[in-house]
Amino acid sequence: MLEATGSEPLSFDEEVKMQQSWKEDESKCTFIVHATEACKLPSKKIEKTQQNEEDGESGFEVDSNLEAMIGDVNLFLSDIEESYESDIEISAQAIDSSLQAEVDIMIARKEFRGKGLGRAATCTMLLYGATKLGIKRFFCKINEDNTDSIRMFKAIGFEECNYAACFKQVELELQKPLHEMVEIFERYGDFSIIPCCAEQ
C-alpha cells in the first residue's frame, strides 16, 4: 500500500500532526471515501438526502460508519506554470484563477477495489475542484507498474504528458474548458452526495 501510494510509514503522533496540518493548509483538500453498501444508513435517508440537507438534518453519521471508510482522494493545489497557461482555453463560466492540482486516490480495502468506487470518488473530487475551486488543470503521478490506476485515469480523459525514468513514474494530465470537464466528471462519476453534520 505504501509503495502504491508513494507514502511513508507514520507513527500515531505523526499521523495526528499530519491530519492537523491538512485541516489548516488551504493548498490541500481531502475527501474520505465510504462504501455505501457498508454504511449504516437507512435507504429512506438516502432517498431523502436533498430534503435532509434543506432541513439541516444529517443523513450520514460519521462516528457510526468508521468501518465503512475504505480510502481517500486528495488534491494538492498550486499555481499553473506559465508554460501551461497559454495552452488552456478558459471557459467564460470558469472561476478566475490559474490553479492546478495534483490528484491521488486510494482504495485501501481490497474487497472494494475493481468496483468503480475509485473512479466515482475521483470524479467527485475533480468536479468539486473544477466548479468550487476553479482548478484549470489536473495531473497525477503514478508508478508505471500500477496499471489499474493508469487505466482508470485514462478512462476519464487524462493523457500522458511526462515520464520520470528515475522514479519509474508516469505523469498524466487533464486540462479542458470547465464545461467539458464537468461533462466528463458527471458522465463517469456515477456518485451520489449524502450530507453529514457540519461538526463531523
Protein backbone atom coordinates (compact mmCIF):
# COMPACT_ATOMS: atom_id res chain seq x y z
CA MET A 1 0.00 0.00 0.00
CA LEU A 2 2.81 2.42 0.86
CA GLU A 3 4.56 1.69 -2.43
CA ALA A 4 1.39 2.05 -4.48
CA THR A 5 0.58 5.43 -2.93
CA GLY A 6 4.15 6.72 -2.67
CA SER A 7 3.67 7.17 1.07
CA GLU A 8 5.97 6.89 4.07
CA PRO A 9 5.06 4.92 7.24
CA LEU A 10 3.95 7.24 10.06
CA SER A 11 3.69 6.81 13.80
CA PHE A 12 0.37 7.65 15.50
CA ASP A 13 1.69 11.07 16.65
CA GLU A 14 2.98 11.82 13.15
CA GLU A 15 -0.39 10.85 11.68
CA VAL A 16 -2.19 13.21 14.09
CA LYS A 17 0.15 16.09 13.19
CA MET A 18 -0.33 15.41 9.50
CA GLN A 19 -4.13 15.46 9.84
CA GLN A 20 -3.92 18.77 11.73
CA SER A 21 -1.73 20.27 9.02
CA TRP A 22 -4.19 19.13 6.32
CA LYS A 23 -7.06 20.79 8.16
CA GLU A 24 -5.21 24.12 8.28
CA ASP A 25 -3.49 24.01 4.87
CA GLU A 26 -5.52 25.78 2.15
CA SER A 27 -3.42 24.16 -0.59
CA LYS A 28 -4.70 20.68 0.29
CA CYS A 29 -8.15 19.16 0.00
CA THR A 30 -9.26 15.67 1.01
CA PHE A 31 -12.43 13.56 0.80
CA ILE A 32 -12.79 10.39 2.84
CA VAL A 33 -14.34 7.59 0.78
CA HIS A 34 -17.08 5.46 2.35
CA ALA A 35 -18.65 2.42 0.72
CA THR A 36 -22.42 2.88 0.68
CA GLU A 37 -23.04 -0.85 1.00
CA ALA A 38 -21.01 -0.91 4.22
CA CYS A 39 -22.68 2.16 5.75
CA LYS A 40 -25.28 2.10 8.47
CA LEU A 41 -27.67 4.32 6.58
CA PRO A 42 -31.38 3.56 6.09
CA SER A 43 -32.46 3.57 2.45
CA LYS A 44 -35.17 6.10 3.29
CA LYS A 45 -32.49 8.60 4.26
CA ILE A 46 -30.58 8.03 1.03
CA GLU A 47 -33.74 8.80 -0.94
CA LYS A 48 -34.35 11.96 1.05
CA THR A 49 -30.83 13.41 1.09
CA GLN A 50 -31.91 16.63 -0.63
CA GLN A 51 -34.72 17.17 1.88
CA ASN A 52 -32.36 16.32 4.75
CA GLU A 53 -29.91 18.93 3.52
CA GLU A 54 -32.62 21.56 3.25
CA ASP A 55 -33.88 20.73 6.74
CA GLY A 56 -30.36 20.83 8.19
CA GLU A 57 -30.60 17.15 9.14
CA SER A 58 -27.79 14.66 8.75
CA GLY A 59 -28.30 11.63 6.53
CA PHE A 60 -24.88 10.26 7.46
CA GLU A 61 -23.31 9.80 10.88
CA VAL A 62 -19.51 9.58 10.64
CA ASP A 63 -18.96 8.10 14.10
CA SER A 64 -21.22 5.13 13.40
CA ASN A 65 -19.67 4.46 9.99
CA LEU A 66 -15.94 4.27 10.69
CA GLU A 67 -15.87 0.68 9.46
CA ALA A 68 -17.26 1.85 6.12
CA MET A 69 -14.21 4.04 5.43
CA ILE A 70 -12.37 2.45 2.52
CA GLY A 71 -9.95 5.13 1.33
CA ASP A 72 -9.49 8.75 0.39
CA VAL A 73 -8.99 11.09 -2.55
CA ASN A 74 -6.83 14.20 -2.33
CA LEU A 75 -5.95 17.39 -4.20
CA PHE A 76 -2.67 19.29 -3.83
CA LEU A 77 -3.19 22.81 -5.18
CA SER A 78 -0.54 25.00 -6.83
CA ASP A 79 -0.25 27.72 -9.46
CA ILE A 80 -0.08 26.63 -13.09
CA GLU A 81 3.33 27.10 -14.62
CA GLU A 82 3.45 29.77 -17.32
CA SER A 83 4.20 27.18 -19.99
CA TYR A 84 0.78 25.58 -19.38
CA GLU A 85 -1.32 28.74 -19.21
CA SER A 86 -1.12 29.51 -22.92
CA ASP A 87 -2.41 26.04 -23.79
CA ILE A 88 -5.60 26.25 -21.72
CA GLU A 89 -8.85 27.56 -23.16
CA ILE A 90 -10.55 29.42 -20.34
CA SER A 91 -14.33 28.95 -20.16
CA ALA A 92 -16.44 32.07 -19.64
CA GLN A 93 -18.11 30.24 -16.77
CA ALA A 94 -14.84 29.32 -15.09
CA ILE A 95 -13.74 30.94 -11.87
CA ASP A 96 -10.91 33.41 -12.49
CA SER A 97 -7.74 31.64 -11.35
CA SER A 98 -4.67 29.83 -12.60
CA LEU A 99 -4.80 26.85 -10.27
CA GLN A 100 -3.74 23.32 -10.97
CA ALA A 101 -3.98 20.33 -8.67
CA GLU A 102 -2.25 17.01 -8.32
CA VAL A 103 -4.79 14.30 -7.52
CA ASP A 104 -4.30 10.97 -5.81
CA ILE A 105 -6.78 8.27 -4.92
CA MET A 106 -6.51 5.29 -2.60
CA ILE A 107 -8.99 2.48 -2.05
CA ALA A 108 -7.29 0.75 0.84
CA ARG A 109 -9.59 -2.23 1.33
CA LYS A 110 -9.06 -4.86 -1.34
CA GLU A 111 -12.64 -6.14 -1.25
CA PHE A 112 -13.84 -2.74 -2.53
CA ARG A 113 -11.39 -2.45 -5.41
CA GLY A 114 -12.41 -3.06 -9.00
CA LYS A 115 -15.98 -1.87 -8.36
CA GLY A 116 -15.69 1.63 -9.80
CA LEU A 117 -15.58 3.30 -6.39
CA GLY A 118 -12.16 4.84 -7.02
CA ARG A 119 -13.35 6.32 -10.29
CA ALA A 120 -16.54 7.69 -8.70
CA ALA A 121 -14.61 9.22 -5.79
CA THR A 122 -12.02 10.72 -8.13
CA CYS A 123 -14.66 12.26 -10.41
CA THR A 124 -16.49 13.67 -7.40
CA MET A 125 -13.31 15.35 -6.16
CA LEU A 126 -12.39 16.63 -9.63
CA LEU A 127 -15.90 18.03 -10.11
CA TYR A 128 -15.58 19.82 -6.76
CA GLY A 129 -12.14 21.13 -7.69
CA ALA A 130 -13.21 22.39 -11.11
CA THR A 131 -16.50 24.01 -10.06
CA LYS A 132 -15.82 25.17 -6.49
CA LEU A 133 -12.07 25.84 -6.51
CA GLY A 134 -11.64 26.94 -10.13
CA ILE A 135 -8.92 24.43 -10.97
CA LYS A 136 -7.93 24.53 -14.66
CA ARG A 137 -5.50 21.61 -14.84
CA PHE A 138 -5.43 18.29 -13.00
CA PHE A 139 -2.49 15.91 -13.05
CA CYS A 140 -1.34 12.74 -11.33
CA LYS A 141 1.94 10.84 -10.97
CA ILE A 142 1.61 7.06 -10.92
CA ASN A 143 4.15 4.26 -10.68
CA GLU A 144 4.41 2.66 -14.12
CA ASP A 145 3.54 -0.79 -12.77
CA ASN A 146 0.28 0.49 -11.23
CA THR A 147 -1.61 -0.29 -14.41
CA ASP A 148 -5.05 -0.24 -12.79
CA SER A 149 -4.67 3.41 -11.72
CA ILE A 150 -3.21 4.44 -15.06
CA ARG A 151 -6.11 2.78 -16.88
CA MET A 152 -8.67 4.46 -14.60
CA PHE A 153 -7.29 7.97 -15.13
CA LYS A 154 -7.05 7.46 -18.88
CA ALA A 155 -10.66 6.25 -18.91
CA ILE A 156 -11.82 9.64 -17.57
CA GLY A 157 -9.81 11.62 -20.10
CA PHE A 158 -6.32 12.01 -18.64
CA GLU A 159 -3.45 11.84 -21.14
CA GLU A 160 0.21 11.02 -20.58
CA CYS A 161 2.33 14.18 -20.51
CA ASN A 162 5.59 13.14 -18.85
CA TYR A 163 7.65 10.17 -17.72
CA ALA A 164 10.20 10.25 -14.89
CA ALA A 165 12.59 7.38 -15.60
CA CYS A 166 14.44 7.82 -12.29
CA PHE A 167 11.21 7.24 -10.34
CA LYS A 168 9.59 4.96 -12.93
CA GLN A 169 6.54 7.19 -12.80
CA VAL A 170 4.08 8.24 -15.47
CA GLU A 171 2.52 11.70 -15.29
CA LEU A 172 -0.97 12.15 -16.70
CA GLU A 173 -2.91 15.38 -17.08
CA LEU A 174 -6.38 16.72 -17.86
CA GLN A 175 -6.84 20.31 -18.96
CA LYS A 176 -10.05 21.29 -20.69
CA PRO A 177 -12.62 24.10 -20.56
CA LEU A 178 -14.83 23.94 -17.48
CA HIS A 179 -17.98 22.76 -19.27
CA GLU A 180 -16.09 19.85 -20.85
CA MET A 181 -14.57 18.78 -17.52
CA VAL A 182 -17.96 18.94 -15.80
CA GLU A 183 -19.47 16.78 -18.53
CA ILE A 184 -16.70 14.18 -18.15
CA PHE A 185 -16.88 14.04 -14.36
CA GLU A 186 -20.66 13.77 -14.30
CA ARG A 187 -20.65 11.08 -17.01
CA TYR A 188 -18.05 8.84 -15.39
CA GLY A 189 -18.62 9.68 -11.73
CA ASP A 190 -21.81 7.71 -11.01
CA PHE A 191 -21.91 9.18 -7.50
CA SER A 192 -24.46 10.45 -5.00
CA ILE A 193 -23.95 13.05 -2.27
CA ILE A 194 -25.13 12.32 1.26
CA PRO A 195 -24.82 15.24 3.71
CA CYS A 196 -23.28 14.81 7.15
CA CYS A 197 -23.25 17.01 10.26
CA ALA A 198 -21.07 20.09 9.89
CA GLU A 199 -19.21 19.39 13.14
CA GLN A 200 -18.22 15.96 11.82
